[in-house]
Amino acid sequence: MARSRVTFAAGSAAKAFKTSESDIFDLKAGAGIRANRNFNSAVADRKEREELGLVRRSLAEASQFLALAHELDPEVGGFIMPKVAEGKSAVDRFDDLINTPVTDYLFHREIKATAEGIAAAGAIVDKELRLAEEKKSVWTEKRDAAGKDLKQAREKLQQLRARIFEDAVNGQGSSTAPSYEQATANEHPPQYIETER
């Protein structure tokens, strides 16, 4: 789940980045009809902030998923939350006032830094996911081996029960059932050794 949230955050950052590029070159990112001379840029700025809001939420969710995983396995680490461009910096406030391609470009650089931070967070999530898959495969192998031993022990127990029943029905041996120690004298159940996690 953390991986999907980081992927979504990267997609939202890419959309904000593309909108920012359009805003710099004023490629009518917002609408085809201009209500005033800054309409397209204002809409582009709003779209950038919406996408960056999705980035923040997605990264927060990914961080929460890693925190839950850490509760289950203390070896799972988290990631440092990347700085997400908020549109509250001095450059962005200046862009709101004068709205030039230069201020749009400066905010574009902040969005690019956000995308790089998301890539770093994604690498950490991928590493944790790979480690979790390795642990899962080790525990799956142990479970399968224990299941195989358990199945063999159950088959031996069933054979022993059948033999005791047939002996009792056919009148072979004594009329009383053998003690547990006598019946299992030649049986060696598998010994399990508990290992540390």
N, C-alpha and C. Protein backbone atom coordinates (compact mmCIF):
# COMPACT_ATOMS: atom_id res chain seq x y z
N MET A 1 0.82 -1.19 0.00
CA MET A 1 0.00 0.00 0.00
C MET A 1 0.87 1.25 0.00
N ALA A 2 1.96 1.23 0.77
CA ALA A 2 2.83 2.41 0.80
C ALA A 2 3.39 2.68 -0.59
N ARG A 3 3.74 1.60 -1.30
CA ARG A 3 4.28 1.77 -2.65
C ARG A 3 3.25 2.44 -3.56
N SER A 4 2.00 2.02 -3.48
CA SER A 4 0.98 2.61 -4.35
C SER A 4 0.74 4.08 -4.02
N ARG A 5 0.83 4.44 -2.72
CA ARG A 5 0.64 5.84 -2.34
C ARG A 5 1.80 6.70 -2.83
N VAL A 6 3.03 6.17 -2.76
CA VAL A 6 4.18 6.93 -3.26
C VAL A 6 4.09 7.07 -4.77
N THR A 7 3.63 6.02 -5.46
CA THR A 7 3.46 6.09 -6.91
C THR A 7 2.42 7.15 -7.27
N PHE A 8 1.32 7.19 -6.51
CA PHE A 8 0.29 8.20 -6.75
C PHE A 8 0.85 9.60 -6.51
N ALA A 9 1.65 9.75 -5.45
CA ALA A 9 2.26 11.06 -5.15
C ALA A 9 3.18 11.48 -6.29
N ALA A 10 3.93 10.53 -6.84
CA ALA A 10 4.82 10.85 -7.96
C ALA A 10 4.01 11.28 -9.18
N GLY A 11 2.88 10.62 -9.42
CA GLY A 11 2.02 11.00 -10.54
C GLY A 11 1.44 12.39 -10.35
N SER A 12 1.02 12.71 -9.13
CA SER A 12 0.48 14.04 -8.85
C SER A 12 1.55 15.10 -9.01
N ALA A 13 2.76 14.79 -8.55
CA ALA A 13 3.87 15.75 -8.71
C ALA A 13 4.18 15.96 -10.19
N ALA A 14 4.09 14.88 -10.98
CA ALA A 14 4.34 15.01 -12.42
C ALA A 14 3.28 15.90 -13.07
N LYS A 15 2.03 15.76 -12.63
CA LYS A 15 0.97 16.62 -13.18
C LYS A 15 1.21 18.08 -12.80
N ALA A 16 1.60 18.31 -11.54
CA ALA A 16 1.90 19.68 -11.10
C ALA A 16 3.07 20.24 -11.88
N PHE A 17 4.06 19.40 -12.14
CA PHE A 17 5.24 19.81 -12.91
C PHE A 17 4.85 20.20 -14.33
N LYS A 18 4.00 19.40 -14.95
CA LYS A 18 3.55 19.68 -16.32
C LYS A 18 2.72 20.96 -16.36
N THR A 19 1.84 21.13 -15.38
CA THR A 19 1.03 22.35 -15.32
C THR A 19 1.92 23.56 -15.11
N SER A 20 2.96 23.39 -14.30
CA SER A 20 3.89 24.49 -14.05
C SER A 20 4.64 24.87 -15.33
N GLU A 21 5.03 23.86 -16.10
CA GLU A 21 5.68 24.15 -17.40
C GLU A 21 4.75 24.95 -18.30
N SER A 22 3.49 24.53 -18.33
CA SER A 22 2.52 25.25 -19.16
C SER A 22 2.34 26.68 -18.66
N ASP A 23 2.37 26.85 -17.34
CA ASP A 23 2.20 28.17 -16.75
C ASP A 23 3.37 29.08 -17.12
N ILE A 24 4.57 28.53 -17.14
CA ILE A 24 5.74 29.34 -17.48
C ILE A 24 5.61 29.89 -18.89
N PHE A 25 5.21 29.04 -19.80
CA PHE A 25 5.13 29.44 -21.20
C PHE A 25 3.73 29.91 -21.59
N ASP A 26 2.81 29.95 -20.60
CA ASP A 26 1.44 30.42 -20.80
C ASP A 26 0.79 29.72 -21.99
N LEU A 27 0.73 28.38 -21.88
CA LEU A 27 0.16 27.57 -22.97
C LEU A 27 -1.31 27.27 -22.72
N LYS A 28 -2.00 28.21 -22.11
CA LYS A 28 -3.43 28.08 -21.84
C LYS A 28 -3.74 26.80 -21.05
N ALA A 29 -3.06 26.65 -19.94
CA ALA A 29 -3.27 25.45 -19.12
C ALA A 29 -4.64 25.42 -18.49
N GLY A 30 -5.19 26.58 -18.20
CA GLY A 30 -6.43 26.60 -17.43
C GLY A 30 -7.67 26.58 -18.26
N ALA A 31 -7.83 27.48 -19.19
CA ALA A 31 -9.08 27.56 -19.95
C ALA A 31 -8.82 28.27 -21.27
N GLY A 32 -9.76 28.14 -22.17
CA GLY A 32 -9.60 28.75 -23.48
C GLY A 32 -10.06 30.19 -23.53
N ILE A 33 -10.92 30.59 -22.61
CA ILE A 33 -11.46 31.95 -22.63
C ILE A 33 -10.84 32.72 -21.49
N ARG A 34 -10.29 33.88 -21.78
CA ARG A 34 -9.65 34.69 -20.74
C ARG A 34 -10.65 35.68 -20.18
N ALA A 35 -10.86 35.62 -18.86
CA ALA A 35 -11.70 36.61 -18.20
C ALA A 35 -10.86 37.86 -17.91
N ASN A 36 -9.59 37.65 -17.58
CA ASN A 36 -8.65 38.76 -17.44
C ASN A 36 -7.30 38.28 -17.94
N ARG A 37 -6.32 39.15 -17.94
CA ARG A 37 -5.06 38.77 -18.58
C ARG A 37 -4.30 37.69 -17.80
N ASN A 38 -4.59 37.49 -16.52
CA ASN A 38 -3.89 36.48 -15.72
C ASN A 38 -4.74 35.24 -15.45
N PHE A 39 -5.84 35.08 -16.16
CA PHE A 39 -6.77 34.00 -15.86
C PHE A 39 -6.11 32.62 -16.00
N ASN A 40 -5.45 32.39 -17.12
CA ASN A 40 -4.85 31.08 -17.33
C ASN A 40 -3.79 30.77 -16.29
N SER A 41 -2.99 31.75 -15.97
CA SER A 41 -1.95 31.54 -14.98
C SER A 41 -2.56 31.28 -13.60
N ALA A 42 -3.63 31.98 -13.28
CA ALA A 42 -4.28 31.77 -11.98
C ALA A 42 -4.85 30.36 -11.88
N VAL A 43 -5.46 29.90 -12.96
CA VAL A 43 -6.01 28.53 -12.96
C VAL A 43 -4.88 27.51 -12.88
N ALA A 44 -3.80 27.77 -13.60
CA ALA A 44 -2.65 26.86 -13.54
C ALA A 44 -2.08 26.81 -12.13
N ASP A 45 -1.97 27.97 -11.48
CA ASP A 45 -1.47 27.99 -10.10
C ASP A 45 -2.38 27.18 -9.18
N ARG A 46 -3.68 27.31 -9.36
CA ARG A 46 -4.63 26.55 -8.54
C ARG A 46 -4.48 25.05 -8.78
N LYS A 47 -4.31 24.67 -10.05
CA LYS A 47 -4.14 23.24 -10.37
C LYS A 47 -2.85 22.70 -9.75
N GLU A 48 -1.78 23.52 -9.81
CA GLU A 48 -0.52 23.10 -9.20
C GLU A 48 -0.72 22.82 -7.71
N ARG A 49 -1.40 23.73 -7.02
CA ARG A 49 -1.61 23.58 -5.58
C ARG A 49 -2.50 22.37 -5.27
N GLU A 50 -3.49 22.12 -6.10
CA GLU A 50 -4.35 20.94 -5.89
C GLU A 50 -3.53 19.66 -5.99
N GLU A 51 -2.72 19.57 -7.03
CA GLU A 51 -1.89 18.36 -7.21
C GLU A 51 -0.89 18.22 -6.07
N LEU A 52 -0.29 19.33 -5.64
CA LEU A 52 0.66 19.26 -4.54
C LEU A 52 -0.03 18.89 -3.23
N GLY A 53 -1.29 19.28 -3.07
CA GLY A 53 -2.06 18.84 -1.91
C GLY A 53 -2.24 17.33 -1.92
N LEU A 54 -2.50 16.77 -3.11
CA LEU A 54 -2.61 15.31 -3.24
C LEU A 54 -1.28 14.64 -2.92
N VAL A 55 -0.18 15.28 -3.32
CA VAL A 55 1.14 14.73 -3.02
C VAL A 55 1.32 14.63 -1.50
N ARG A 56 1.02 15.72 -0.79
CA ARG A 56 1.17 15.72 0.67
C ARG A 56 0.32 14.62 1.32
N ARG A 57 -0.93 14.50 0.90
CA ARG A 57 -1.81 13.48 1.49
C ARG A 57 -1.30 12.07 1.19
N SER A 58 -0.88 11.84 -0.05
CA SER A 58 -0.41 10.50 -0.43
C SER A 58 0.84 10.12 0.34
N LEU A 59 1.77 11.07 0.49
CA LEU A 59 2.99 10.77 1.24
C LEU A 59 2.68 10.54 2.72
N ALA A 60 1.72 11.27 3.26
CA ALA A 60 1.33 11.05 4.66
C ALA A 60 0.74 9.65 4.83
N GLU A 61 -0.08 9.22 3.87
CA GLU A 61 -0.65 7.87 3.94
C GLU A 61 0.44 6.81 3.83
N ALA A 62 1.40 7.02 2.92
CA ALA A 62 2.51 6.07 2.78
C ALA A 62 3.30 5.98 4.08
N SER A 63 3.53 7.11 4.70
CA SER A 63 4.25 7.14 5.97
C SER A 63 3.47 6.39 7.05
N GLN A 64 2.15 6.53 7.05
CA GLN A 64 1.32 5.81 8.03
C GLN A 64 1.38 4.30 7.80
N PHE A 65 1.38 3.89 6.54
CA PHE A 65 1.47 2.46 6.25
C PHE A 65 2.80 1.90 6.75
N LEU A 66 3.88 2.66 6.55
CA LEU A 66 5.17 2.20 7.05
C LEU A 66 5.20 2.18 8.58
N ALA A 67 4.52 3.12 9.22
CA ALA A 67 4.46 3.12 10.68
C ALA A 67 3.70 1.88 11.19
N LEU A 68 2.63 1.51 10.50
CA LEU A 68 1.90 0.29 10.87
C LEU A 68 2.77 -0.95 10.68
N ALA A 69 3.52 -0.97 9.58
CA ALA A 69 4.43 -2.09 9.34
C ALA A 69 5.50 -2.15 10.43
N HIS A 70 5.95 -0.98 10.89
CA HIS A 70 6.96 -0.93 11.95
C HIS A 70 6.41 -1.50 13.26
N GLU A 71 5.12 -1.28 13.52
CA GLU A 71 4.51 -1.85 14.72
C GLU A 71 4.51 -3.38 14.66
N LEU A 72 4.33 -3.93 13.47
CA LEU A 72 4.34 -5.39 13.31
C LEU A 72 5.76 -5.95 13.31
N ASP A 73 6.68 -5.21 12.73
CA ASP A 73 8.07 -5.65 12.63
C ASP A 73 8.96 -4.44 12.90
N PRO A 74 9.60 -4.38 14.07
CA PRO A 74 10.41 -3.21 14.41
C PRO A 74 11.57 -2.94 13.46
N GLU A 75 11.94 -3.91 12.64
CA GLU A 75 13.04 -3.71 11.70
C GLU A 75 12.63 -2.83 10.52
N VAL A 76 11.33 -2.67 10.30
CA VAL A 76 10.86 -1.84 9.19
C VAL A 76 11.11 -0.38 9.54
N GLY A 77 11.78 0.31 8.63
CA GLY A 77 12.07 1.72 8.85
C GLY A 77 11.05 2.59 8.13
N GLY A 78 11.13 3.85 8.36
CA GLY A 78 10.26 4.80 7.68
C GLY A 78 11.08 5.62 6.71
N PHE A 79 10.48 6.65 6.18
CA PHE A 79 11.24 7.55 5.33
C PHE A 79 11.06 8.98 5.83
N ILE A 80 12.04 9.79 5.52
CA ILE A 80 11.95 11.20 5.89
C ILE A 80 11.01 11.85 4.89
N MET A 81 10.00 12.52 5.41
CA MET A 81 9.01 13.15 4.54
C MET A 81 9.69 14.21 3.67
N PRO A 82 9.59 14.06 2.35
CA PRO A 82 10.19 15.07 1.48
C PRO A 82 9.48 16.41 1.62
N LYS A 83 10.22 17.47 1.40
CA LYS A 83 9.62 18.80 1.45
C LYS A 83 8.76 18.97 0.20
N VAL A 84 7.50 19.25 0.43
CA VAL A 84 6.56 19.43 -0.68
C VAL A 84 6.32 20.92 -0.86
N ALA A 85 6.46 21.38 -2.10
CA ALA A 85 6.21 22.79 -2.40
C ALA A 85 4.77 23.11 -2.02
N GLU A 86 4.59 24.17 -1.25
CA GLU A 86 3.26 24.49 -0.75
C GLU A 86 2.63 25.69 -1.42
N GLY A 87 3.44 26.51 -2.05
CA GLY A 87 2.90 27.73 -2.61
C GLY A 87 2.83 28.84 -1.58
N LYS A 88 3.51 28.64 -0.44
CA LYS A 88 3.48 29.66 0.61
C LYS A 88 4.83 30.35 0.76
N SER A 89 5.77 30.01 -0.11
CA SER A 89 7.08 30.63 -0.01
C SER A 89 7.01 32.07 -0.49
N ALA A 90 8.09 32.81 -0.23
CA ALA A 90 8.14 34.21 -0.66
C ALA A 90 8.04 34.30 -2.17
N VAL A 91 8.68 33.36 -2.87
CA VAL A 91 8.64 33.37 -4.34
C VAL A 91 7.21 33.21 -4.83
N ASP A 92 6.47 32.29 -4.22
CA ASP A 92 5.11 32.05 -4.69
C ASP A 92 4.18 33.21 -4.35
N ARG A 93 4.37 33.80 -3.19
CA ARG A 93 3.56 34.98 -2.84
C ARG A 93 3.86 36.13 -3.81
N PHE A 94 5.13 36.25 -4.18
CA PHE A 94 5.52 37.27 -5.14
C PHE A 94 4.88 36.97 -6.50
N ASP A 95 4.81 35.68 -6.85
CA ASP A 95 4.18 35.27 -8.11
C ASP A 95 2.70 35.64 -8.12
N ASP A 96 2.04 35.51 -6.97
CA ASP A 96 0.62 35.89 -6.89
C ASP A 96 0.43 37.38 -7.17
N LEU A 97 1.40 38.18 -6.76
CA LEU A 97 1.27 39.63 -6.93
C LEU A 97 1.59 40.09 -8.36
N ILE A 98 2.72 39.61 -8.90
CA ILE A 98 3.10 40.13 -10.22
C ILE A 98 2.97 39.11 -11.34
N ASN A 99 3.00 37.83 -11.02
CA ASN A 99 2.78 36.75 -11.99
C ASN A 99 3.60 36.92 -13.27
N THR A 100 4.87 36.59 -13.16
CA THR A 100 5.75 36.63 -14.32
C THR A 100 6.28 35.23 -14.59
N PRO A 101 6.78 34.98 -15.78
CA PRO A 101 7.38 33.67 -16.05
C PRO A 101 8.56 33.37 -15.14
N VAL A 102 9.25 34.41 -14.66
CA VAL A 102 10.39 34.18 -13.76
C VAL A 102 9.91 33.59 -12.44
N THR A 103 8.87 34.18 -11.85
CA THR A 103 8.36 33.65 -10.59
C THR A 103 7.71 32.27 -10.79
N ASP A 104 7.09 32.08 -11.96
CA ASP A 104 6.54 30.75 -12.27
C ASP A 104 7.67 29.73 -12.35
N TYR A 105 8.80 30.13 -12.93
CA TYR A 105 9.94 29.22 -13.05
C TYR A 105 10.51 28.87 -11.68
N LEU A 106 10.59 29.85 -10.79
CA LEU A 106 11.12 29.59 -9.45
C LEU A 106 10.24 28.59 -8.70
N PHE A 107 8.92 28.72 -8.84
CA PHE A 107 8.02 27.75 -8.22
C PHE A 107 8.14 26.40 -8.91
N HIS A 108 8.38 26.42 -10.21
CA HIS A 108 8.59 25.20 -10.99
C HIS A 108 9.79 24.43 -10.42
N ARG A 109 10.84 25.15 -10.03
CA ARG A 109 12.01 24.50 -9.44
C ARG A 109 11.66 23.86 -8.09
N GLU A 110 10.79 24.51 -7.32
CA GLU A 110 10.35 23.91 -6.05
C GLU A 110 9.58 22.62 -6.29
N ILE A 111 8.76 22.61 -7.33
CA ILE A 111 8.01 21.39 -7.67
C ILE A 111 8.97 20.29 -8.10
N LYS A 112 10.00 20.66 -8.85
CA LYS A 112 11.00 19.68 -9.29
C LYS A 112 11.72 19.08 -8.08
N ALA A 113 12.05 19.91 -7.10
CA ALA A 113 12.69 19.40 -5.88
C ALA A 113 11.76 18.45 -5.13
N THR A 114 10.47 18.75 -5.15
CA THR A 114 9.48 17.87 -4.54
C THR A 114 9.50 16.50 -5.22
N ALA A 115 9.52 16.51 -6.55
CA ALA A 115 9.54 15.25 -7.31
C ALA A 115 10.79 14.43 -6.99
N GLU A 116 11.93 15.11 -6.82
CA GLU A 116 13.16 14.39 -6.46
C GLU A 116 13.05 13.78 -5.06
N GLY A 117 12.43 14.51 -4.13
CA GLY A 117 12.21 13.97 -2.78
C GLY A 117 11.30 12.76 -2.80
N ILE A 118 10.29 12.80 -3.66
CA ILE A 118 9.38 11.65 -3.78
C ILE A 118 10.13 10.44 -4.32
N ALA A 119 11.03 10.67 -5.28
CA ALA A 119 11.82 9.56 -5.82
C ALA A 119 12.68 8.93 -4.73
N ALA A 120 13.27 9.75 -3.86
CA ALA A 120 14.08 9.22 -2.76
C ALA A 120 13.20 8.42 -1.78
N ALA A 121 12.02 8.94 -1.47
CA ALA A 121 11.09 8.21 -0.58
C ALA A 121 10.67 6.90 -1.23
N GLY A 122 10.44 6.92 -2.54
CA GLY A 122 10.07 5.70 -3.26
C GLY A 122 11.16 4.65 -3.20
N ALA A 123 12.42 5.08 -3.27
CA ALA A 123 13.53 4.13 -3.18
C ALA A 123 13.55 3.46 -1.81
N ILE A 124 13.27 4.23 -0.77
CA ILE A 124 13.23 3.67 0.59
C ILE A 124 12.08 2.67 0.72
N VAL A 125 10.92 3.04 0.19
CA VAL A 125 9.77 2.13 0.26
C VAL A 125 10.05 0.85 -0.53
N ASP A 126 10.69 0.98 -1.69
CA ASP A 126 11.04 -0.21 -2.48
C ASP A 126 11.99 -1.12 -1.71
N LYS A 127 12.97 -0.52 -1.01
CA LYS A 127 13.91 -1.31 -0.23
C LYS A 127 13.17 -2.06 0.88
N GLU A 128 12.29 -1.37 1.59
CA GLU A 128 11.53 -2.02 2.67
C GLU A 128 10.63 -3.12 2.11
N LEU A 129 10.05 -2.88 0.95
CA LEU A 129 9.19 -3.89 0.32
C LEU A 129 10.00 -5.12 -0.06
N ARG A 130 11.20 -4.90 -0.60
CA ARG A 130 12.06 -6.03 -0.98
C ARG A 130 12.45 -6.84 0.26
N LEU A 131 12.81 -6.15 1.35
CA LEU A 131 13.17 -6.86 2.58
C LEU A 131 11.98 -7.64 3.14
N ALA A 132 10.80 -7.06 3.05
CA ALA A 132 9.59 -7.76 3.52
C ALA A 132 9.32 -9.00 2.69
N GLU A 133 9.52 -8.90 1.38
CA GLU A 133 9.31 -10.07 0.51
C GLU A 133 10.31 -11.18 0.84
N GLU A 134 11.56 -10.80 1.14
CA GLU A 134 12.56 -11.80 1.51
C GLU A 134 12.17 -12.51 2.80
N LYS A 135 11.72 -11.72 3.79
CA LYS A 135 11.28 -12.33 5.06
C LYS A 135 10.09 -13.25 4.83
N LYS A 136 9.19 -12.81 3.99
CA LYS A 136 8.00 -13.61 3.71
C LYS A 136 8.40 -14.95 3.10
N SER A 137 9.35 -14.93 2.16
CA SER A 137 9.75 -16.19 1.52
C SER A 137 10.43 -17.12 2.52
N VAL A 138 11.23 -16.57 3.44
CA VAL A 138 11.88 -17.40 4.46
C VAL A 138 10.83 -18.06 5.36
N TRP A 139 9.86 -17.27 5.82
CA TRP A 139 8.83 -17.82 6.69
C TRP A 139 7.91 -18.78 5.95
N THR A 140 7.71 -18.56 4.66
CA THR A 140 6.91 -19.49 3.87
C THR A 140 7.61 -20.83 3.77
N GLU A 141 8.93 -20.81 3.55
CA GLU A 141 9.70 -22.06 3.49
C GLU A 141 9.63 -22.80 4.83
N LYS A 142 9.77 -22.05 5.93
CA LYS A 142 9.70 -22.69 7.25
C LYS A 142 8.32 -23.28 7.49
N ARG A 143 7.28 -22.55 7.10
CA ARG A 143 5.91 -23.03 7.28
C ARG A 143 5.68 -24.30 6.46
N ASP A 144 6.16 -24.29 5.21
CA ASP A 144 5.97 -25.46 4.35
C ASP A 144 6.69 -26.68 4.90
N ALA A 145 7.92 -26.48 5.42
CA ALA A 145 8.67 -27.60 5.99
C ALA A 145 7.96 -28.14 7.23
N ALA A 146 7.49 -27.25 8.09
CA ALA A 146 6.77 -27.69 9.29
C ALA A 146 5.46 -28.38 8.91
N GLY A 147 4.80 -27.89 7.87
CA GLY A 147 3.56 -28.53 7.41
C GLY A 147 3.81 -29.93 6.89
N LYS A 148 4.93 -30.10 6.20
CA LYS A 148 5.29 -31.43 5.67
C LYS A 148 5.56 -32.39 6.83
N ASP A 149 6.32 -31.92 7.83
CA ASP A 149 6.60 -32.77 9.00
C ASP A 149 5.31 -33.12 9.74
N LEU A 150 4.43 -32.15 9.87
CA LEU A 150 3.15 -32.39 10.56
C LEU A 150 2.31 -33.41 9.80
N LYS A 151 2.31 -33.30 8.48
CA LYS A 151 1.53 -34.25 7.67
C LYS A 151 2.07 -35.66 7.83
N GLN A 152 3.40 -35.81 7.83
CA GLN A 152 4.00 -37.13 8.02
C GLN A 152 3.67 -37.69 9.40
N ALA A 153 3.72 -36.84 10.42
CA ALA A 153 3.41 -37.30 11.78
C ALA A 153 1.95 -37.73 11.88
N ARG A 154 1.07 -37.01 11.23
CA ARG A 154 -0.35 -37.38 11.24
C ARG A 154 -0.58 -38.72 10.54
N GLU A 155 0.13 -38.93 9.41
CA GLU A 155 0.00 -40.20 8.70
C GLU A 155 0.48 -41.36 9.56
N LYS A 156 1.61 -41.17 10.26
CA LYS A 156 2.12 -42.22 11.15
C LYS A 156 1.13 -42.49 12.28
N LEU A 157 0.56 -41.44 12.83
CA LEU A 157 -0.42 -41.60 13.90
C LEU A 157 -1.64 -42.37 13.41
N GLN A 158 -2.09 -42.05 12.21
CA GLN A 158 -3.25 -42.75 11.65
C GLN A 158 -2.93 -44.23 11.42
N GLN A 159 -1.73 -44.52 10.92
CA GLN A 159 -1.32 -45.91 10.72
C GLN A 159 -1.26 -46.66 12.05
N LEU A 160 -0.74 -45.99 13.08
CA LEU A 160 -0.66 -46.60 14.40
C LEU A 160 -2.06 -46.88 14.95
N ARG A 161 -2.97 -45.95 14.79
CA ARG A 161 -4.35 -46.15 15.25
C ARG A 161 -4.99 -47.32 14.51
N ALA A 162 -4.78 -47.38 13.20
CA ALA A 162 -5.37 -48.47 12.41
C ALA A 162 -4.80 -49.82 12.86
N ARG A 163 -3.51 -49.88 13.09
CA ARG A 163 -2.88 -51.13 13.52
C ARG A 163 -3.42 -51.56 14.89
N ILE A 164 -3.54 -50.62 15.81
CA ILE A 164 -4.06 -50.94 17.14
C ILE A 164 -5.51 -51.42 17.04
N PHE A 165 -6.30 -50.75 16.20
CA PHE A 165 -7.70 -51.14 16.04
C PHE A 165 -7.80 -52.55 15.45
N GLU A 166 -7.01 -52.83 14.40
CA GLU A 166 -7.05 -54.16 13.78
C GLU A 166 -6.60 -55.24 14.75
N ASP A 167 -5.57 -54.93 15.54
CA ASP A 167 -5.11 -55.91 16.53
C ASP A 167 -6.20 -56.19 17.56
N ALA A 168 -6.90 -55.16 17.98
CA ALA A 168 -7.96 -55.33 18.98
C ALA A 168 -9.13 -56.11 18.40
N VAL A 169 -9.50 -55.82 17.14
CA VAL A 169 -10.63 -56.50 16.50
C VAL A 169 -10.28 -57.96 16.22
N ASN A 170 -9.10 -58.23 15.77
CA ASN A 170 -8.70 -59.60 15.42
C ASN A 170 -8.31 -60.43 16.64
N GLY A 171 -8.29 -59.82 17.80
CA GLY A 171 -7.98 -60.56 19.01
C GLY A 171 -6.51 -60.86 19.16
N GLN A 172 -5.69 -60.26 18.40
CA GLN A 172 -4.26 -60.49 18.54
C GLN A 172 -3.74 -59.71 19.74
N GLY A 173 -2.79 -60.25 20.39
CA GLY A 173 -2.21 -59.57 21.54
C GLY A 173 -3.12 -59.69 22.74
N SER A 174 -2.92 -58.86 23.68
CA SER A 174 -3.72 -58.91 24.90
C SER A 174 -5.09 -58.30 24.66
N SER A 175 -5.99 -58.55 25.59
CA SER A 175 -7.34 -58.02 25.45
C SER A 175 -7.41 -56.56 25.85
N THR A 176 -6.38 -56.07 26.50
CA THR A 176 -6.37 -54.66 26.88
C THR A 176 -5.52 -53.89 25.88
N ALA A 177 -5.86 -52.67 25.74
CA ALA A 177 -5.10 -51.82 24.82
C ALA A 177 -3.71 -51.57 25.39
N PRO A 178 -2.72 -51.49 24.53
CA PRO A 178 -1.36 -51.24 25.03
C PRO A 178 -1.25 -49.82 25.60
N SER A 179 -0.30 -49.66 26.47
CA SER A 179 -0.09 -48.32 27.02
C SER A 179 0.49 -47.42 25.93
N TYR A 180 0.41 -46.15 26.20
CA TYR A 180 0.92 -45.18 25.22
C TYR A 180 2.42 -45.39 24.99
N GLU A 181 3.15 -45.64 26.07
CA GLU A 181 4.59 -45.83 25.96
C GLU A 181 4.92 -47.05 25.10
N GLN A 182 4.14 -48.14 25.27
CA GLN A 182 4.39 -49.34 24.47
C GLN A 182 4.06 -49.09 23.00
N ALA A 183 2.97 -48.39 22.76
CA ALA A 183 2.53 -48.18 21.38
C ALA A 183 3.47 -47.25 20.63
N THR A 184 4.07 -46.34 21.35
CA THR A 184 4.92 -45.35 20.66
C THR A 184 6.40 -45.58 20.90
N ALA A 185 6.76 -46.76 21.37
CA ALA A 185 8.17 -47.03 21.68
C ALA A 185 9.05 -46.90 20.44
N ASN A 186 8.55 -47.32 19.29
CA ASN A 186 9.35 -47.26 18.07
C ASN A 186 9.07 -46.02 17.23
N GLU A 187 8.18 -45.20 17.71
CA GLU A 187 7.83 -43.99 16.96
C GLU A 187 8.71 -42.84 17.45
N HIS A 188 9.18 -42.05 16.53
CA HIS A 188 10.00 -40.89 16.88
C HIS A 188 9.37 -39.65 16.24
N PRO A 189 8.52 -38.96 16.97
CA PRO A 189 7.90 -37.76 16.39
C PRO A 189 8.97 -36.69 16.12
N PRO A 190 8.74 -35.86 15.14
CA PRO A 190 9.74 -34.83 14.83
C PRO A 190 9.90 -33.85 15.99
N GLN A 191 11.12 -33.47 16.23
CA GLN A 191 11.42 -32.50 17.29
C GLN A 191 11.53 -31.12 16.66
N TYR A 192 10.79 -30.19 17.19
CA TYR A 192 10.82 -28.82 16.67
C TYR A 192 11.67 -27.96 17.59
N ILE A 193 12.51 -27.21 16.99
CA ILE A 193 13.35 -26.29 17.75
C ILE A 193 12.88 -24.89 17.44
N GLU A 194 12.51 -24.17 18.47
CA GLU A 194 12.02 -22.81 18.26
C GLU A 194 13.20 -21.91 17.94
N THR A 195 13.06 -21.15 16.88
CA THR A 195 14.13 -20.23 16.49
C THR A 195 13.70 -18.82 16.76
N GLU A 196 14.67 -17.95 16.87
CA GLU A 196 14.37 -16.54 17.08
C GLU A 196 13.96 -15.92 15.78
N ARG A 197 13.15 -14.90 15.87
CA ARG A 197 12.69 -14.17 14.68
C ARG A 197 13.77 -13.28 14.16
